[in-house]
Amino acid sequence: LTKPVSISLTDTDRKTLDNQAKRFNLLSYQLE
């Protein structure tokens, strides 16, 4: 089972990480 952990990121790094997940989700939708 997964457990919550925390990592320290700057706001820019956090946005970059968030964007990678969004990027995959968008591309998988666009590429059907």
Full PDB file with SEQRES, HELIX, SHEET, SSBOND, CRYST1, ORIGX, SCALE, CONECT and MASTER records, all heavy atoms in Angstrom:
SEQRES   1 A   32  LEU THR LYS PRO VAL SER ILE SER LEU THR ASP THR ASP          
SEQRES   2 A   32  ARG LYS THR LEU ASP ASN GLN ALA LYS ARG PHE ASN LEU          
SEQRES   3 A   32  LEU SER TYR GLN LEU GLU                                      
HELIX    1 AA1 ASP A   11  GLN A   30  1                                  20    
CRYST1    1.000    1.000    1.000  90.00  90.00  90.00 P 1           1          
ORIGX1      1.000000  0.000000  0.000000        0.00000                         
ORIGX2      0.000000  1.000000  0.000000        0.00000                         
ORIGX3      0.000000  0.000000  1.000000        0.00000                         
SCALE1      1.000000  0.000000  0.000000        0.00000                         
SCALE2      0.000000  1.000000  0.000000        0.00000                         
SCALE3      0.000000  0.000000  1.000000        0.00000                         
ATOM      1  N   LEU A   1       0.825  -1.192   0.000  1.00  0.00           N  
ATOM      2  CA  LEU A   1       0.000   0.000   0.000  1.00  0.00           C  
ATOM      3  C   LEU A   1       0.866   1.252   0.000  1.00  0.00           C  
ATOM      4  O   LEU A   1       1.949   1.270   0.573  1.00  0.00           O  
ATOM      5  CB  LEU A   1      -0.926   0.014   1.217  1.00  0.00           C  
ATOM      6  CG  LEU A   1      -1.894  -1.153   1.331  1.00  0.00           C  
ATOM      7  CD1 LEU A   1      -2.685  -1.054   2.622  1.00  0.00           C  
ATOM      8  CD2 LEU A   1      -2.823  -1.194   0.141  1.00  0.00           C  
ATOM      9  N   THR A   2       0.366   2.283  -0.639  1.00  0.00           N  
ATOM     10  CA  THR A   2       1.101   3.541  -0.660  1.00  0.00           C  
ATOM     11  C   THR A   2       0.854   4.301   0.633  1.00  0.00           C  
ATOM     12  O   THR A   2      -0.194   4.170   1.261  1.00  0.00           O  
ATOM     13  CB  THR A   2       0.671   4.416  -1.854  1.00  0.00           C  
ATOM     14  OG1 THR A   2      -0.718   4.682  -1.740  1.00  0.00           O  
ATOM     15  CG2 THR A   2       0.968   3.732  -3.169  1.00  0.00           C  
ATOM     16  N   LYS A   3       1.844   5.087   1.020  1.00  0.00           N  
ATOM     17  CA  LYS A   3       1.750   5.915   2.217  1.00  0.00           C  
ATOM     18  C   LYS A   3       2.134   7.333   1.829  1.00  0.00           C  
ATOM     19  O   LYS A   3       3.027   7.535   1.007  1.00  0.00           O  
ATOM     20  CB  LYS A   3       2.698   5.409   3.304  1.00  0.00           C  
ATOM     21  CG  LYS A   3       2.362   4.027   3.795  1.00  0.00           C  
ATOM     22  CD  LYS A   3       3.348   3.561   4.833  1.00  0.00           C  
ATOM     23  CE  LYS A   3       3.029   2.137   5.245  1.00  0.00           C  
ATOM     24  NZ  LYS A   3       4.012   1.604   6.158  1.00  0.00           N  
ATOM     25  N   PRO A   4       1.480   8.302   2.405  1.00  0.00           N  
ATOM     26  CA  PRO A   4       1.822   9.680   2.063  1.00  0.00           C  
ATOM     27  C   PRO A   4       3.199  10.062   2.617  1.00  0.00           C  
ATOM     28  O   PRO A   4       3.538   9.729   3.746  1.00  0.00           O  
ATOM     29  CB  PRO A   4       0.722  10.508   2.717  1.00  0.00           C  
ATOM     30  CG  PRO A   4       0.161   9.642   3.786  1.00  0.00           C  
ATOM     31  CD  PRO A   4       0.373   8.220   3.347  1.00  0.00           C  
ATOM     32  N   VAL A   5       3.980  10.703   1.797  1.00  0.00           N  
ATOM     33  CA  VAL A   5       5.272  11.257   2.209  1.00  0.00           C  
ATOM     34  C   VAL A   5       5.354  12.673   1.656  1.00  0.00           C  
ATOM     35  O   VAL A   5       4.588  13.051   0.778  1.00  0.00           O  
ATOM     36  CB  VAL A   5       6.470  10.422   1.688  1.00  0.00           C  
ATOM     37  CG1 VAL A   5       6.458   9.026   2.275  1.00  0.00           C  
ATOM     38  CG2 VAL A   5       6.481  10.369   0.184  1.00  0.00           C  
ATOM     39  N   SER A   6       6.268  13.423   2.166  1.00  0.00           N  
ATOM     40  CA  SER A   6       6.403  14.786   1.655  1.00  0.00           C  
ATOM     41  C   SER A   6       7.802  14.980   1.081  1.00  0.00           C  
ATOM     42  O   SER A   6       8.761  14.343   1.522  1.00  0.00           O  
ATOM     43  CB  SER A   6       6.145  15.808   2.759  1.00  0.00           C  
ATOM     44  OG  SER A   6       7.119  15.708   3.762  1.00  0.00           O  
ATOM     45  N   ILE A   7       7.890  15.808   0.072  1.00  0.00           N  
ATOM     46  CA  ILE A   7       9.171  16.199  -0.492  1.00  0.00           C  
ATOM     47  C   ILE A   7       9.195  17.712  -0.546  1.00  0.00           C  
ATOM     48  O   ILE A   7       8.153  18.367  -0.654  1.00  0.00           O  
ATOM     49  CB  ILE A   7       9.405  15.589  -1.893  1.00  0.00           C  
ATOM     50  CG1 ILE A   7       8.290  15.982  -2.862  1.00  0.00           C  
ATOM     51  CG2 ILE A   7       9.536  14.088  -1.825  1.00  0.00           C  
ATOM     52  CD1 ILE A   7       8.528  15.554  -4.289  1.00  0.00           C  
ATOM     53  N   SER A   8      10.359  18.279  -0.450  1.00  0.00           N  
ATOM     54  CA  SER A   8      10.496  19.727  -0.480  1.00  0.00           C  
ATOM     55  C   SER A   8      10.807  20.173  -1.900  1.00  0.00           C  
ATOM     56  O   SER A   8      11.771  19.715  -2.506  1.00  0.00           O  
ATOM     57  CB  SER A   8      11.622  20.183   0.455  1.00  0.00           C  
ATOM     58  OG  SER A   8      11.321  19.806   1.780  1.00  0.00           O  
ATOM     59  N   LEU A   9       9.953  21.035  -2.424  1.00  0.00           N  
ATOM     60  CA  LEU A   9      10.136  21.570  -3.766  1.00  0.00           C  
ATOM     61  C   LEU A   9       9.856  23.067  -3.742  1.00  0.00           C  
ATOM     62  O   LEU A   9       9.030  23.526  -2.955  1.00  0.00           O  
ATOM     63  CB  LEU A   9       9.153  20.912  -4.754  1.00  0.00           C  
ATOM     64  CG  LEU A   9       9.264  19.416  -4.977  1.00  0.00           C  
ATOM     65  CD1 LEU A   9       8.091  18.938  -5.839  1.00  0.00           C  
ATOM     66  CD2 LEU A   9      10.563  19.080  -5.665  1.00  0.00           C  
ATOM     67  N   THR A  10      10.530  23.766  -4.620  1.00  0.00           N  
ATOM     68  CA  THR A  10      10.182  25.167  -4.799  1.00  0.00           C  
ATOM     69  C   THR A  10       8.861  25.214  -5.555  1.00  0.00           C  
ATOM     70  O   THR A  10       8.409  24.209  -6.111  1.00  0.00           O  
ATOM     71  CB  THR A  10      11.262  25.917  -5.606  1.00  0.00           C  
ATOM     72  OG1 THR A  10      11.328  25.342  -6.911  1.00  0.00           O  
ATOM     73  CG2 THR A  10      12.622  25.826  -4.924  1.00  0.00           C  
ATOM     74  N   ASP A  11       8.237  26.367  -5.593  1.00  0.00           N  
ATOM     75  CA  ASP A  11       6.984  26.488  -6.338  1.00  0.00           C  
ATOM     76  C   ASP A  11       7.190  26.160  -7.811  1.00  0.00           C  
ATOM     77  O   ASP A  11       6.346  25.513  -8.439  1.00  0.00           O  
ATOM     78  CB  ASP A  11       6.401  27.896  -6.196  1.00  0.00           C  
ATOM     79  CG  ASP A  11       5.721  28.109  -4.849  1.00  0.00           C  
ATOM     80  OD1 ASP A  11       5.356  27.102  -4.212  1.00  0.00           O  
ATOM     81  OD2 ASP A  11       5.559  29.275  -4.456  1.00  0.00           O  
ATOM     82  N   THR A  12       8.328  26.580  -8.353  1.00  0.00           N  
ATOM     83  CA  THR A  12       8.621  26.304  -9.759  1.00  0.00           C  
ATOM     84  C   THR A  12       8.776  24.808  -9.992  1.00  0.00           C  
ATOM     85  O   THR A  12       8.231  24.259 -10.961  1.00  0.00           O  
ATOM     86  CB  THR A  12       9.896  27.046 -10.197  1.00  0.00           C  
ATOM     87  OG1 THR A  12       9.734  28.426  -9.912  1.00  0.00           O  
ATOM     88  CG2 THR A  12      10.193  26.834 -11.665  1.00  0.00           C  
ATOM     89  N   ASP A  13       9.505  24.119  -9.097  1.00  0.00           N  
ATOM     90  CA  ASP A  13       9.687  22.674  -9.230  1.00  0.00           C  
ATOM     91  C   ASP A  13       8.356  21.937  -9.085  1.00  0.00           C  
ATOM     92  O   ASP A  13       8.095  20.966  -9.790  1.00  0.00           O  
ATOM     93  CB  ASP A  13      10.675  22.152  -8.189  1.00  0.00           C  
ATOM     94  CG  ASP A  13      12.096  22.613  -8.452  1.00  0.00           C  
ATOM     95  OD1 ASP A  13      12.401  22.959  -9.608  1.00  0.00           O  
ATOM     96  OD2 ASP A  13      12.892  22.624  -7.498  1.00  0.00           O  
ATOM     97  N   ARG A  14       7.529  22.394  -8.163  1.00  0.00           N  
ATOM     98  CA  ARG A  14       6.222  21.761  -7.966  1.00  0.00           C  
ATOM     99  C   ARG A  14       5.359  21.910  -9.218  1.00  0.00           C  
ATOM    100  O   ARG A  14       4.717  20.962  -9.662  1.00  0.00           O  
ATOM    101  CB  ARG A  14       5.499  22.372  -6.767  1.00  0.00           C  
ATOM    102  CG  ARG A  14       4.176  21.684  -6.444  1.00  0.00           C  
ATOM    103  CD  ARG A  14       3.411  22.402  -5.341  1.00  0.00           C  
ATOM    104  NE  ARG A  14       3.224  23.815  -5.601  1.00  0.00           N  
ATOM    105  CZ  ARG A  14       2.310  24.331  -6.447  1.00  0.00           C  
ATOM    106  NH1 ARG A  14       1.532  23.528  -7.136  1.00  0.00           N  
ATOM    107  NH2 ARG A  14       2.199  25.635  -6.606  1.00  0.00           N  
ATOM    108  N   LYS A  15       5.371  23.092  -9.800  1.00  0.00           N  
ATOM    109  CA  LYS A  15       4.606  23.314 -11.026  1.00  0.00           C  
ATOM    110  C   LYS A  15       5.142  22.451 -12.164  1.00  0.00           C  
ATOM    111  O   LYS A  15       4.369  21.908 -12.963  1.00  0.00           O  
ATOM    112  CB  LYS A  15       4.645  24.787 -11.416  1.00  0.00           C  
ATOM    113  CG  LYS A  15       3.803  25.659 -10.509  1.00  0.00           C  
ATOM    114  CD  LYS A  15       3.919  27.123 -10.886  1.00  0.00           C  
ATOM    115  CE  LYS A  15       3.176  27.998  -9.888  1.00  0.00           C  
ATOM    116  NZ  LYS A  15       3.341  29.429 -10.165  1.00  0.00           N  
ATOM    117  N   THR A  16       6.464  22.314 -12.236  1.00  0.00           N  
ATOM    118  CA  THR A  16       7.071  21.471 -13.268  1.00  0.00           C  
ATOM    119  C   THR A  16       6.624  20.022 -13.101  1.00  0.00           C  
ATOM    120  O   THR A  16       6.276  19.355 -14.076  1.00  0.00           O  
ATOM    121  CB  THR A  16       8.605  21.566 -13.205  1.00  0.00           C  
ATOM    122  OG1 THR A  16       8.985  22.927 -13.361  1.00  0.00           O  
ATOM    123  CG2 THR A  16       9.267  20.721 -14.269  1.00  0.00           C  
ATOM    124  N   LEU A  17       6.620  19.540 -11.876  1.00  0.00           N  
ATOM    125  CA  LEU A  17       6.171  18.173 -11.602  1.00  0.00           C  
ATOM    126  C   LEU A  17       4.685  18.014 -11.937  1.00  0.00           C  
ATOM    127  O   LEU A  17       4.294  17.036 -12.583  1.00  0.00           O  
ATOM    128  CB  LEU A  17       6.430  17.814 -10.140  1.00  0.00           C  
ATOM    129  CG  LEU A  17       6.039  16.412  -9.683  1.00  0.00           C  
ATOM    130  CD1 LEU A  17       6.763  15.356 -10.498  1.00  0.00           C  
ATOM    131  CD2 LEU A  17       6.324  16.250  -8.213  1.00  0.00           C  
ATOM    132  N   ASP A  18       3.874  18.958 -11.523  1.00  0.00           N  
ATOM    133  CA  ASP A  18       2.442  18.913 -11.851  1.00  0.00           C  
ATOM    134  C   ASP A  18       2.218  18.895 -13.357  1.00  0.00           C  
ATOM    135  O   ASP A  18       1.349  18.179 -13.861  1.00  0.00           O  
ATOM    136  CB  ASP A  18       1.708  20.124 -11.264  1.00  0.00           C  
ATOM    137  CG  ASP A  18       1.533  20.044  -9.758  1.00  0.00           C  
ATOM    138  OD1 ASP A  18       1.616  18.928  -9.206  1.00  0.00           O  
ATOM    139  OD2 ASP A  18       1.315  21.103  -9.135  1.00  0.00           O  
ATOM    140  N   ASN A  19       3.012  19.693 -14.064  1.00  0.00           N  
ATOM    141  CA  ASN A  19       2.841  19.789 -15.518  1.00  0.00           C  
ATOM    142  C   ASN A  19       3.161  18.483 -16.227  1.00  0.00           C  
ATOM    143  O   ASN A  19       2.599  18.200 -17.291  1.00  0.00           O  
ATOM    144  CB  ASN A  19       3.696  20.919 -16.091  1.00  0.00           C  
ATOM    145  CG  ASN A  19       3.138  22.282 -15.747  1.00  0.00           C  
ATOM    146  OD1 ASN A  19       1.958  22.429 -15.422  1.00  0.00           O  
ATOM    147  ND2 ASN A  19       3.984  23.296 -15.806  1.00  0.00           N  
ATOM    148  N   GLN A  20       4.054  17.672 -15.668  1.00  0.00           N  
ATOM    149  CA  GLN A  20       4.398  16.401 -16.317  1.00  0.00           C  
ATOM    150  C   GLN A  20       3.212  15.443 -16.288  1.00  0.00           C  
ATOM    151  O   GLN A  20       2.938  14.756 -17.277  1.00  0.00           O  
ATOM    152  CB  GLN A  20       5.635  15.771 -15.671  1.00  0.00           C  
ATOM    153  CG  GLN A  20       6.873  16.635 -15.730  1.00  0.00           C  
ATOM    154  CD  GLN A  20       7.083  17.278 -17.089  1.00  0.00           C  
ATOM    155  OE1 GLN A  20       7.134  16.597 -18.103  1.00  0.00           O  
ATOM    156  NE2 GLN A  20       7.191  18.590 -17.123  1.00  0.00           N  
ATOM    157  N   ALA A  21       2.521  15.406 -15.166  1.00  0.00           N  
ATOM    158  CA  ALA A  21       1.330  14.552 -15.085  1.00  0.00           C  
ATOM    159  C   ALA A  21       0.245  15.070 -16.019  1.00  0.00           C  
ATOM    160  O   ALA A  21      -0.390  14.292 -16.748  1.00  0.00           O  
ATOM    161  CB  ALA A  21       0.821  14.496 -13.644  1.00  0.00           C  
ATOM    162  N   LYS A  22       0.047  16.369 -16.029  1.00  0.00           N  
ATOM    163  CA  LYS A  22      -0.957  16.973 -16.915  1.00  0.00           C  
ATOM    164  C   LYS A  22      -0.584  16.737 -18.381  1.00  0.00           C  
ATOM    165  O   LYS A  22      -1.452  16.478 -19.218  1.00  0.00           O  
ATOM    166  CB  LYS A  22      -1.081  18.465 -16.644  1.00  0.00           C  
ATOM    167  CG  LYS A  22      -1.707  18.774 -15.310  1.00  0.00           C  
ATOM    168  CD  LYS A  22      -1.716  20.271 -15.047  1.00  0.00           C  
ATOM    169  CE  LYS A  22      -2.225  20.578 -13.660  1.00  0.00           C  
ATOM    170  NZ  LYS A  22      -2.144  22.014 -13.354  1.00  0.00           N  
ATOM    171  N   ARG A  23       0.700  16.818 -18.653  1.00  0.00           N  
ATOM    172  CA  ARG A  23       1.189  16.602 -20.018  1.00  0.00           C  
ATOM    173  C   ARG A  23       0.849  15.200 -20.505  1.00  0.00           C  
ATOM    174  O   ARG A  23       0.350  15.005 -21.607  1.00  0.00           O  
ATOM    175  CB  ARG A  23       2.696  16.840 -20.035  1.00  0.00           C  
ATOM    176  CG  ARG A  23       3.375  16.626 -21.347  1.00  0.00           C  
ATOM    177  CD  ARG A  23       4.848  16.865 -21.154  1.00  0.00           C  
ATOM    178  NE  ARG A  23       5.610  16.564 -22.335  1.00  0.00           N  
ATOM    179  CZ  ARG A  23       6.921  16.436 -22.350  1.00  0.00           C  
ATOM    180  NH1 ARG A  23       7.624  16.602 -21.245  1.00  0.00           N  
ATOM    181  NH2 ARG A  23       7.545  16.156 -23.460  1.00  0.00           N  
ATOM    182  N   PHE A  24       1.140  14.205 -19.664  1.00  0.00           N  
ATOM    183  CA  PHE A  24       0.823  12.823 -20.044  1.00  0.00           C  
ATOM    184  C   PHE A  24      -0.674  12.653 -20.251  1.00  0.00           C  
ATOM    185  O   PHE A  24      -1.110  12.029 -21.222  1.00  0.00           O  
ATOM    186  CB  PHE A  24       1.310  11.826 -18.986  1.00  0.00           C  
ATOM    187  CG  PHE A  24       0.850  10.434 -19.283  1.00  0.00           C  
ATOM    188  CD1 PHE A  24       1.546   9.645 -20.183  1.00  0.00           C  
ATOM    189  CD2 PHE A  24      -0.298   9.917 -18.702  1.00  0.00           C  
ATOM    190  CE1 PHE A  24       1.106   8.364 -20.493  1.00  0.00           C  
ATOM    191  CE2 PHE A  24      -0.743   8.646 -19.010  1.00  0.00           C  
ATOM    192  CZ  PHE A  24      -0.034   7.872 -19.904  1.00  0.00           C  
ATOM    193  N   ASN A  25      -1.465  13.161 -19.320  1.00  0.00           N  
ATOM    194  CA  ASN A  25      -2.916  12.999 -19.417  1.00  0.00           C  
ATOM    195  C   ASN A  25      -3.461  13.655 -20.685  1.00  0.00           C  
ATOM    196  O   ASN A  25      -4.327  13.092 -21.357  1.00  0.00           O  
ATOM    197  CB  ASN A  25      -3.593  13.558 -18.170  1.00  0.00           C  
ATOM    198  CG  ASN A  25      -3.232  12.776 -16.925  1.00  0.00           C  
ATOM    199  OD1 ASN A  25      -2.925  11.588 -16.999  1.00  0.00           O  
ATOM    200  ND2 ASN A  25      -3.242  13.436 -15.791  1.00  0.00           N  
ATOM    201  N   LEU A  26      -2.932  14.830 -21.032  1.00  0.00           N  
ATOM    202  CA  LEU A  26      -3.367  15.517 -22.239  1.00  0.00           C  
ATOM    203  C   LEU A  26      -2.954  14.736 -23.488  1.00  0.00           C  
ATOM    204  O   LEU A  26      -3.756  14.516 -24.395  1.00  0.00           O  
ATOM    205  CB  LEU A  26      -2.795  16.933 -22.295  1.00  0.00           C  
ATOM    206  CG  LEU A  26      -3.118  17.736 -23.546  1.00  0.00           C  
ATOM    207  CD1 LEU A  26      -4.604  18.064 -23.596  1.00  0.00           C  
ATOM    208  CD2 LEU A  26      -2.292  19.002 -23.592  1.00  0.00           C  
ATOM    209  N   LEU A  27      -1.697  14.294 -23.532  1.00  0.00           N  
ATOM    210  CA  LEU A  27      -1.214  13.549 -24.694  1.00  0.00           C  
ATOM    211  C   LEU A  27      -1.938  12.222 -24.866  1.00  0.00           C  
ATOM    212  O   LEU A  27      -2.257  11.825 -25.989  1.00  0.00           O  
ATOM    213  CB  LEU A  27       0.293  13.314 -24.595  1.00  0.00           C  
ATOM    214  CG  LEU A  27       1.162  14.553 -24.776  1.00  0.00           C  
ATOM    215  CD1 LEU A  27       2.621  14.237 -24.460  1.00  0.00           C  
ATOM    216  CD2 LEU A  27       1.025  15.095 -26.188  1.00  0.00           C  
ATOM    217  N   SER A  28      -2.209  11.532 -23.785  1.00  0.00           N  
ATOM    218  CA  SER A  28      -2.921  10.257 -23.904  1.00  0.00           C  
ATOM    219  C   SER A  28      -4.340  10.486 -24.417  1.00  0.00           C  
ATOM    220  O   SER A  28      -4.878   9.665 -25.151  1.00  0.00           O  
ATOM    221  CB  SER A  28      -2.941   9.501 -22.579  1.00  0.00           C  
ATOM    222  OG  SER A  28      -3.702  10.195 -21.623  1.00  0.00           O  
ATOM    223  N   TYR A  29      -4.935  11.609 -24.050  1.00  0.00           N  
ATOM    224  CA  TYR A  29      -6.266  11.939 -24.570  1.00  0.00           C  
ATOM    225  C   TYR A  29      -6.190  12.313 -26.050  1.00  0.00           C  
ATOM    226  O   TYR A  29      -6.978  11.838 -26.866  1.00  0.00           O  
ATOM    227  CB  TYR A  29      -6.876  13.082 -23.762  1.00  0.00           C  
ATOM    228  CG  TYR A  29      -8.208  13.557 -24.289  1.00  0.00           C  
ATOM    229  CD1 TYR A  29      -9.359  12.821 -24.066  1.00  0.00           C  
ATOM    230  CD2 TYR A  29      -8.301  14.741 -25.017  1.00  0.00           C  
ATOM    231  CE1 TYR A  29     -10.580  13.246 -24.563  1.00  0.00           C  
ATOM    232  CE2 TYR A  29      -9.517  15.171 -25.510  1.00  0.00           C  
ATOM    233  CZ  TYR A  29     -10.654  14.425 -25.275  1.00  0.00           C  
ATOM    234  OH  TYR A  29     -11.856  14.846 -25.778  1.00  0.00           O  
ATOM    235  N   GLN A  30      -5.212  13.157 -26.392  1.00  0.00           N  
ATOM    236  CA  GLN A  30      -5.089  13.616 -27.780  1.00  0.00           C  
ATOM    237  C   GLN A  30      -4.732  12.481 -28.737  1.00  0.00           C  
ATOM    238  O   GLN A  30      -5.211  12.429 -29.856  1.00  0.00           O  
ATOM    239  CB  GLN A  30      -4.044  14.726 -27.893  1.00  0.00           C  
ATOM    240  CG  GLN A  30      -4.507  16.047 -27.342  1.00  0.00           C  
ATOM    241  CD  GLN A  30      -3.419  17.109 -27.417  1.00  0.00           C  
ATOM    242  OE1 GLN A  30      -2.239  16.799 -27.580  1.00  0.00           O  
ATOM    243  NE2 GLN A  30      -3.818  18.366 -27.272  1.00  0.00           N  
ATOM    244  N   LEU A  31      -3.875  11.588 -28.270  1.00  0.00           N  
ATOM    245  CA  LEU A  31      -3.453  10.465 -29.112  1.00  0.00           C  
ATOM    246  C   LEU A  31      -4.439   9.305 -29.048  1.00  0.00           C  
ATOM    247  O   LEU A  31      -4.203   8.263 -29.663  1.00  0.00           O  
ATOM    248  CB  LEU A  31      -2.056   9.992 -28.698  1.00  0.00           C  
ATOM    249  CG  LEU A  31      -0.942  11.030 -28.842  1.00  0.00           C  
ATOM    250  CD1 LEU A  31       0.355  10.508 -28.243  1.00  0.00           C  
ATOM    251  CD2 LEU A  31      -0.746  11.408 -30.300  1.00  0.00           C  
ATOM    252  N   GLU A  32      -5.506   9.494 -28.283  1.00  0.00           N  
ATOM    253  CA  GLU A  32      -6.554   8.495 -28.118  1.00  0.00           C  
ATOM    254  C   GLU A  32      -6.000   7.150 -27.650  1.00  0.00           C  
ATOM    255  O   GLU A  32      -6.382   6.088 -28.132  1.00  0.00           O  
ATOM    256  CB  GLU A  32      -7.366   8.344 -29.407  1.00  0.00           C  
ATOM    257  CG  GLU A  32      -8.099   9.601 -29.800  1.00  0.00           C  
ATOM    258  CD  GLU A  32      -8.881   9.465 -31.100  1.00  0.00           C  
ATOM    259  OE1 GLU A  32      -8.897   8.365 -31.685  1.00  0.00           O  
ATOM    260  OE2 GLU A  32      -9.468  10.468 -31.512  1.00  0.00           O  
TER     261      GLU A  32                                                      
MASTER        0    0    0    1    0    0    0    6  260    1    0    3          
END                                                                             
